[in-house]
N, C-alpha and C. Protein backbone atom coordinates (compact mmCIF):
# COMPACT_ATOMS: atom_id res chain seq x y z
N MET A 1 112.35 -64.76 28.38
CA MET A 1 112.58 -66.20 27.56
C MET A 1 111.41 -66.03 26.55
N ALA A 2 112.01 -66.68 25.38
CA ALA A 2 111.01 -66.94 24.18
C ALA A 2 109.59 -67.58 24.56
N GLY A 3 108.48 -66.98 24.06
CA GLY A 3 107.25 -67.84 24.14
C GLY A 3 106.47 -67.30 25.43
N GLY A 4 107.08 -66.30 26.33
CA GLY A 4 106.52 -65.76 27.52
C GLY A 4 106.98 -66.59 28.61
N ALA A 5 107.64 -67.54 28.51
CA ALA A 5 108.01 -68.38 29.92
C ALA A 5 108.91 -67.17 30.68
N GLU A 6 108.92 -67.61 31.88
CA GLU A 6 109.77 -66.86 32.85
C GLU A 6 110.77 -67.69 33.53
N ALA A 7 111.82 -67.27 33.92
CA ALA A 7 112.92 -68.25 34.60
C ALA A 7 113.59 -67.22 35.49
N THR A 8 114.16 -68.02 36.87
CA THR A 8 114.92 -67.43 37.70
C THR A 8 115.80 -68.63 38.35
N THR A 9 117.18 -67.96 38.42
CA THR A 9 118.02 -69.18 38.94
C THR A 9 118.84 -68.54 40.22
N SER A 10 119.49 -69.31 41.03
CA SER A 10 120.00 -68.98 42.27
C SER A 10 121.09 -69.91 42.51
N ALA A 11 122.30 -69.45 42.32
CA ALA A 11 123.51 -70.16 42.91
C ALA A 11 123.90 -69.79 44.51
N PRO A 12 124.57 -70.50 45.34
CA PRO A 12 124.92 -70.16 46.50
C PRO A 12 125.64 -68.59 46.32
N SER A 13 125.15 -67.78 47.36
CA SER A 13 125.88 -66.27 47.16
C SER A 13 127.34 -66.43 47.38
N GLY A 14 128.20 -65.24 46.42
CA GLY A 14 129.45 -65.37 46.60
C GLY A 14 130.14 -66.39 45.85
N THR A 15 129.48 -67.37 45.43
CA THR A 15 130.45 -68.51 44.49
C THR A 15 130.29 -68.39 43.12
N GLY A 16 129.66 -67.34 42.44
CA GLY A 16 129.56 -67.29 41.05
C GLY A 16 128.53 -68.61 40.56
N PRO A 17 128.80 -69.03 39.45
CA PRO A 17 127.93 -69.88 38.68
C PRO A 17 128.08 -71.30 39.38
N ALA A 18 127.06 -71.85 39.58
CA ALA A 18 127.01 -73.45 40.28
C ALA A 18 128.02 -74.25 39.77
N ALA A 19 128.62 -74.74 40.44
CA ALA A 19 129.62 -75.85 40.17
C ALA A 19 129.06 -77.39 40.02
N PHE A 20 128.44 -77.68 38.67
CA PHE A 20 127.59 -78.93 38.56
C PHE A 20 128.70 -79.95 38.54
N GLY A 21 128.27 -81.34 38.92
CA GLY A 21 129.38 -82.40 38.91
C GLY A 21 128.64 -83.70 39.10
N ASP A 22 129.38 -84.66 38.80
CA ASP A 22 128.96 -86.18 38.83
C ASP A 22 128.66 -86.44 40.28
N GLY A 23 127.60 -87.29 40.46
CA GLY A 23 127.30 -87.59 41.96
C GLY A 23 126.16 -86.77 42.76
N GLN A 24 126.11 -85.34 41.91
CA GLN A 24 124.93 -84.67 42.98
C GLN A 24 123.82 -85.24 42.57
N VAL A 25 122.86 -84.56 43.36
CA VAL A 25 121.24 -85.20 43.40
C VAL A 25 120.68 -84.04 43.07
N VAL A 26 119.54 -84.36 41.97
CA VAL A 26 118.90 -83.29 41.34
C VAL A 26 117.34 -83.45 41.50
N THR A 27 116.66 -82.58 41.75
CA THR A 27 115.25 -82.77 42.02
C THR A 27 114.63 -81.96 40.89
N VAL A 28 113.60 -82.53 40.24
CA VAL A 28 112.78 -81.77 39.24
C VAL A 28 111.52 -81.74 39.88
N PHE A 29 110.95 -80.50 40.17
CA PHE A 29 109.50 -80.52 40.72
C PHE A 29 108.70 -79.59 39.90
N ARG A 30 107.79 -80.46 39.20
CA ARG A 30 106.68 -79.74 38.43
C ARG A 30 105.46 -79.46 38.89
N SER A 31 104.70 -78.32 38.84
CA SER A 31 103.58 -78.29 39.31
C SER A 31 102.73 -77.12 38.69
N ARG A 32 101.52 -77.15 39.25
CA ARG A 32 100.38 -76.23 38.64
C ARG A 32 99.71 -75.70 40.06
N LEU A 33 99.80 -74.42 40.16
CA LEU A 33 99.15 -73.61 41.34
C LEU A 33 97.65 -73.68 41.22
N ARG A 34 96.99 -73.64 42.16
CA ARG A 34 95.49 -73.25 42.30
C ARG A 34 95.42 -71.69 41.92
N PRO A 35 94.14 -71.35 41.49
CA PRO A 35 93.98 -70.06 41.09
C PRO A 35 94.16 -69.14 42.38
N ASP A 36 93.66 -69.44 43.59
CA ASP A 36 93.94 -68.73 44.80
C ASP A 36 95.03 -68.55 45.56
N ALA A 37 96.28 -69.22 45.05
CA ALA A 37 97.21 -69.71 45.78
C ALA A 37 98.31 -68.38 46.09
N GLU A 38 98.05 -67.36 45.22
CA GLU A 38 98.95 -66.03 45.58
C GLU A 38 98.26 -65.31 46.39
N PRO A 39 98.75 -64.40 47.16
CA PRO A 39 100.04 -64.03 47.29
C PRO A 39 100.84 -65.06 48.07
N ALA A 40 100.12 -65.69 48.91
CA ALA A 40 100.74 -66.63 50.17
C ALA A 40 101.86 -67.57 49.45
N TYR A 41 101.53 -68.23 48.45
CA TYR A 41 102.64 -68.93 47.95
C TYR A 41 104.05 -68.33 47.38
N GLY A 42 103.86 -67.22 46.95
CA GLY A 42 105.07 -66.69 46.52
C GLY A 42 105.89 -66.32 47.98
N GLU A 43 105.24 -66.07 48.97
CA GLU A 43 105.91 -65.48 50.20
C GLU A 43 106.62 -66.75 50.57
N VAL A 44 105.67 -68.02 50.81
CA VAL A 44 106.30 -69.08 51.26
C VAL A 44 107.37 -69.90 50.62
N ALA A 45 107.18 -69.60 49.30
CA ALA A 45 108.49 -70.29 48.45
C ALA A 45 109.69 -69.51 48.57
N ALA A 46 109.41 -68.02 48.92
CA ALA A 46 110.69 -67.27 49.08
C ALA A 46 111.49 -68.00 50.26
N GLU A 47 110.47 -68.21 51.36
CA GLU A 47 110.93 -68.56 52.68
C GLU A 47 111.74 -70.13 52.44
N MET A 48 111.36 -70.94 51.81
CA MET A 48 111.83 -72.16 51.70
C MET A 48 112.97 -72.17 50.58
N LEU A 49 113.14 -71.28 49.70
CA LEU A 49 114.41 -71.23 48.99
C LEU A 49 115.67 -70.60 49.94
N ALA A 50 115.10 -69.70 50.78
CA ALA A 50 116.34 -69.27 51.80
C ALA A 50 116.59 -70.57 52.61
N ALA A 51 115.73 -71.15 53.14
CA ALA A 51 116.07 -72.45 54.04
C ALA A 51 116.66 -73.43 53.14
N ALA A 52 116.37 -73.84 51.81
CA ALA A 52 117.35 -74.96 51.26
C ALA A 52 118.79 -74.22 50.96
N ARG A 53 118.79 -72.94 50.54
CA ARG A 53 120.05 -72.48 50.29
C ARG A 53 120.94 -72.47 51.54
N ALA A 54 120.43 -72.60 52.89
CA ALA A 54 120.96 -72.80 54.18
C ALA A 54 121.76 -74.14 54.25
N VAL A 55 121.15 -75.07 53.79
CA VAL A 55 121.37 -76.74 54.02
C VAL A 55 122.87 -76.68 53.31
N PRO A 56 123.79 -77.42 54.22
CA PRO A 56 125.06 -77.72 53.59
C PRO A 56 124.84 -78.63 52.40
N GLY A 57 125.67 -78.39 51.62
CA GLY A 57 125.58 -79.15 50.37
C GLY A 57 124.71 -78.68 49.21
N PHE A 58 123.93 -77.51 49.45
CA PHE A 58 123.03 -76.85 48.49
C PHE A 58 123.92 -76.35 47.36
N VAL A 59 123.58 -76.68 46.11
CA VAL A 59 124.40 -76.12 44.91
C VAL A 59 123.71 -75.20 44.07
N ASP A 60 122.45 -75.52 43.70
CA ASP A 60 121.87 -74.57 42.63
C ASP A 60 120.12 -74.83 42.70
N PHE A 61 119.59 -73.63 42.51
CA PHE A 61 118.15 -73.65 42.33
C PHE A 61 118.03 -73.03 41.01
N ALA A 62 117.04 -73.45 40.17
CA ALA A 62 116.40 -72.72 39.05
C ALA A 62 114.74 -72.98 39.05
N HIS A 63 114.31 -72.03 38.56
CA HIS A 63 112.82 -72.03 38.52
C HIS A 63 112.22 -71.40 37.21
N PHE A 64 111.32 -72.11 36.56
CA PHE A 64 110.91 -71.78 35.22
C PHE A 64 109.47 -71.77 35.36
N THR A 65 108.42 -70.93 34.74
CA THR A 65 107.24 -70.82 34.53
C THR A 65 106.92 -70.59 33.07
N ALA A 66 106.19 -71.82 32.51
CA ALA A 66 105.72 -71.82 31.03
C ALA A 66 104.58 -70.93 30.67
N GLU A 67 104.22 -70.65 29.59
CA GLU A 67 103.25 -70.12 29.30
C GLU A 67 101.77 -70.18 29.55
N ASP A 68 101.71 -71.73 29.71
CA ASP A 68 100.32 -72.19 30.30
C ASP A 68 100.28 -72.43 31.76
N GLY A 69 101.21 -71.81 32.52
CA GLY A 69 101.08 -71.81 33.91
C GLY A 69 101.91 -72.88 34.75
N GLU A 70 102.35 -74.10 34.06
CA GLU A 70 103.17 -74.88 34.47
C GLU A 70 104.43 -74.53 35.02
N GLN A 71 104.75 -74.85 36.39
CA GLN A 71 106.26 -74.36 36.85
C GLN A 71 106.96 -75.45 37.01
N VAL A 72 108.35 -75.35 36.79
CA VAL A 72 109.30 -76.22 37.06
C VAL A 72 110.52 -75.74 37.85
N SER A 73 110.74 -76.31 39.07
CA SER A 73 111.83 -75.88 39.79
C SER A 73 112.93 -77.28 39.89
N VAL A 74 114.35 -76.80 39.63
CA VAL A 74 115.10 -77.74 39.49
C VAL A 74 116.23 -77.56 40.75
N VAL A 75 116.27 -78.40 41.69
CA VAL A 75 117.10 -78.18 42.83
C VAL A 75 118.37 -79.03 42.96
N THR A 76 119.53 -78.63 43.24
CA THR A 76 120.68 -79.58 43.29
C THR A 76 121.34 -79.45 44.60
N PHE A 77 121.62 -80.60 44.85
CA PHE A 77 122.50 -80.81 46.39
C PHE A 77 123.79 -81.74 46.02
N ASP A 78 124.68 -81.59 46.64
CA ASP A 78 125.88 -82.14 46.27
C ASP A 78 126.04 -83.69 46.53
N SER A 79 124.99 -83.97 47.61
CA SER A 79 125.09 -85.52 47.80
C SER A 79 123.57 -86.00 48.26
N TRP A 80 123.32 -87.40 48.38
CA TRP A 80 122.01 -87.70 48.90
C TRP A 80 121.91 -87.46 50.40
N ALA A 81 122.90 -87.22 51.10
CA ALA A 81 122.75 -87.02 52.53
C ALA A 81 122.32 -85.28 52.67
N SER A 82 122.79 -84.54 51.71
CA SER A 82 122.18 -83.13 51.67
C SER A 82 120.81 -83.01 51.13
N HIS A 83 120.56 -84.01 50.16
CA HIS A 83 119.42 -83.90 49.66
C HIS A 83 118.24 -84.39 50.90
N ARG A 84 118.52 -85.47 51.35
CA ARG A 84 117.83 -85.85 52.56
C ARG A 84 117.56 -84.99 53.71
N ALA A 85 118.64 -84.16 54.13
CA ALA A 85 118.58 -83.21 55.05
C ALA A 85 117.52 -82.24 54.70
N TRP A 86 117.62 -81.62 53.52
CA TRP A 86 116.32 -80.68 52.74
C TRP A 86 114.91 -81.32 52.74
N ARG A 87 115.02 -82.74 52.27
CA ARG A 87 113.76 -83.37 52.05
C ARG A 87 113.06 -83.53 53.54
N ASP A 88 113.79 -83.92 54.33
CA ASP A 88 113.26 -84.20 55.75
C ASP A 88 113.20 -83.16 56.86
N ASP A 89 113.62 -81.91 56.53
CA ASP A 89 113.38 -80.56 57.28
C ASP A 89 112.16 -80.45 57.56
N PRO A 90 112.03 -80.29 59.15
CA PRO A 90 110.74 -79.99 59.31
C PRO A 90 109.83 -78.85 59.00
N ARG A 91 110.40 -77.91 58.74
CA ARG A 91 109.81 -76.79 58.03
C ARG A 91 109.42 -77.00 56.68
N HIS A 92 110.20 -77.72 55.95
CA HIS A 92 109.97 -78.24 54.44
C HIS A 92 109.02 -79.15 54.50
N ARG A 93 108.65 -79.93 55.46
CA ARG A 93 107.74 -81.02 55.59
C ARG A 93 106.50 -80.43 55.58
N GLU A 94 106.38 -79.31 56.56
CA GLU A 94 105.07 -78.59 57.03
C GLU A 94 104.72 -77.83 55.69
N VAL A 95 105.49 -77.22 55.03
CA VAL A 95 105.10 -76.55 53.78
C VAL A 95 104.75 -77.46 52.69
N GLN A 96 105.19 -78.83 52.71
CA GLN A 96 104.75 -79.66 51.47
C GLN A 96 103.25 -80.04 51.95
N ARG A 97 103.05 -80.02 53.31
CA ARG A 97 101.61 -80.53 53.65
C ARG A 97 100.79 -79.53 53.35
N ARG A 98 101.18 -77.92 53.59
CA ARG A 98 100.42 -76.91 53.23
C ARG A 98 100.13 -76.78 51.81
N GLY A 99 101.35 -77.09 50.91
CA GLY A 99 101.08 -76.76 49.46
C GLY A 99 100.07 -77.80 49.06
N ARG A 100 99.89 -78.77 49.62
CA ARG A 100 98.94 -79.93 49.29
C ARG A 100 97.47 -79.44 49.41
N ALA A 101 97.37 -78.77 50.74
CA ALA A 101 96.07 -78.22 51.08
C ALA A 101 95.68 -76.84 50.67
N GLU A 102 96.67 -76.22 50.25
CA GLU A 102 96.28 -74.77 49.91
C GLU A 102 96.85 -74.28 48.50
N PHE A 103 97.89 -74.73 48.01
CA PHE A 103 98.58 -73.96 47.07
C PHE A 103 98.56 -74.85 45.59
N TYR A 104 98.70 -76.13 45.73
CA TYR A 104 98.82 -76.97 44.50
C TYR A 104 97.59 -77.57 43.86
N ALA A 105 97.38 -77.28 42.66
CA ALA A 105 96.47 -78.23 41.74
C ALA A 105 96.84 -79.42 41.61
N GLY A 106 98.12 -79.71 41.50
CA GLY A 106 98.73 -80.94 41.18
C GLY A 106 100.45 -80.61 41.10
N TYR A 107 101.02 -81.76 41.21
CA TYR A 107 102.43 -81.52 41.02
C TYR A 107 103.20 -83.14 40.91
N SER A 108 104.48 -83.14 40.35
CA SER A 108 105.15 -84.38 40.25
C SER A 108 106.64 -83.99 40.63
N ILE A 109 107.44 -85.20 41.18
CA ILE A 109 108.53 -85.05 41.61
C ILE A 109 109.57 -86.18 41.08
N GLN A 110 110.57 -85.69 40.56
CA GLN A 110 111.69 -86.53 40.05
C GLN A 110 112.91 -86.22 40.66
N VAL A 111 113.59 -87.60 41.28
CA VAL A 111 114.92 -87.34 42.10
C VAL A 111 115.86 -88.23 41.48
N GLY A 112 117.12 -87.77 41.09
CA GLY A 112 118.02 -88.65 40.64
C GLY A 112 119.43 -88.05 40.81
N GLU A 113 120.36 -89.09 40.78
CA GLU A 113 121.74 -88.80 40.75
C GLU A 113 122.42 -88.50 39.41
N VAL A 114 123.31 -87.52 39.54
CA VAL A 114 123.98 -87.29 37.99
C VAL A 114 124.82 -88.33 37.87
N GLY A 115 124.85 -88.92 36.71
CA GLY A 115 125.91 -89.86 36.58
C GLY A 115 127.01 -89.21 35.33
N THR A 116 126.68 -88.26 34.59
CA THR A 116 127.73 -87.46 33.77
C THR A 116 127.24 -85.93 33.88
N SER A 117 127.98 -85.14 33.98
CA SER A 117 127.74 -83.63 33.98
C SER A 117 129.05 -82.93 33.09
N ARG A 118 128.52 -82.45 32.43
CA ARG A 118 129.37 -81.53 31.44
C ARG A 118 128.97 -80.24 31.18
N SER A 119 129.56 -79.20 31.09
CA SER A 119 129.17 -77.82 30.76
C SER A 119 130.19 -77.00 29.82
N TRP A 120 129.75 -76.13 29.21
CA TRP A 120 130.52 -75.27 28.23
C TRP A 120 129.88 -73.63 28.31
N GLY A 121 131.01 -73.00 27.98
CA GLY A 121 130.44 -71.44 28.05
C GLY A 121 131.76 -70.70 27.90
N VAL A 122 131.50 -69.60 27.37
CA VAL A 122 132.57 -68.77 27.16
C VAL A 122 132.34 -67.55 28.41
N PRO A 123 133.62 -67.46 29.08
CA PRO A 123 133.61 -66.42 30.33
C PRO A 123 133.29 -65.07 29.83
């Protein structure tokens, strides 16, 4: 990406591009890691992505790292029920606790329901 930022995305395997739509629930997770967070953070993040993808109703995941080190993850589920299932998963809760204790210098979370969704692209 321009400006030195990195990005990764992940749609459910075998489904092609993510199908975004009205009523889905999107979480925007912005964070900054502590200097000593790696390599453990990367390993745990990969495990959590695999666990999130296994939740029925998972739609999409995208992750971006800015030049200044800020990270942004965007996770989409098809409903509030799916979002809550992931939010309340015991493994996820434990990793959240561990993230505050070991990995993050700070973070913010925004969660909302999609009111309108549009996309455009050339196949």
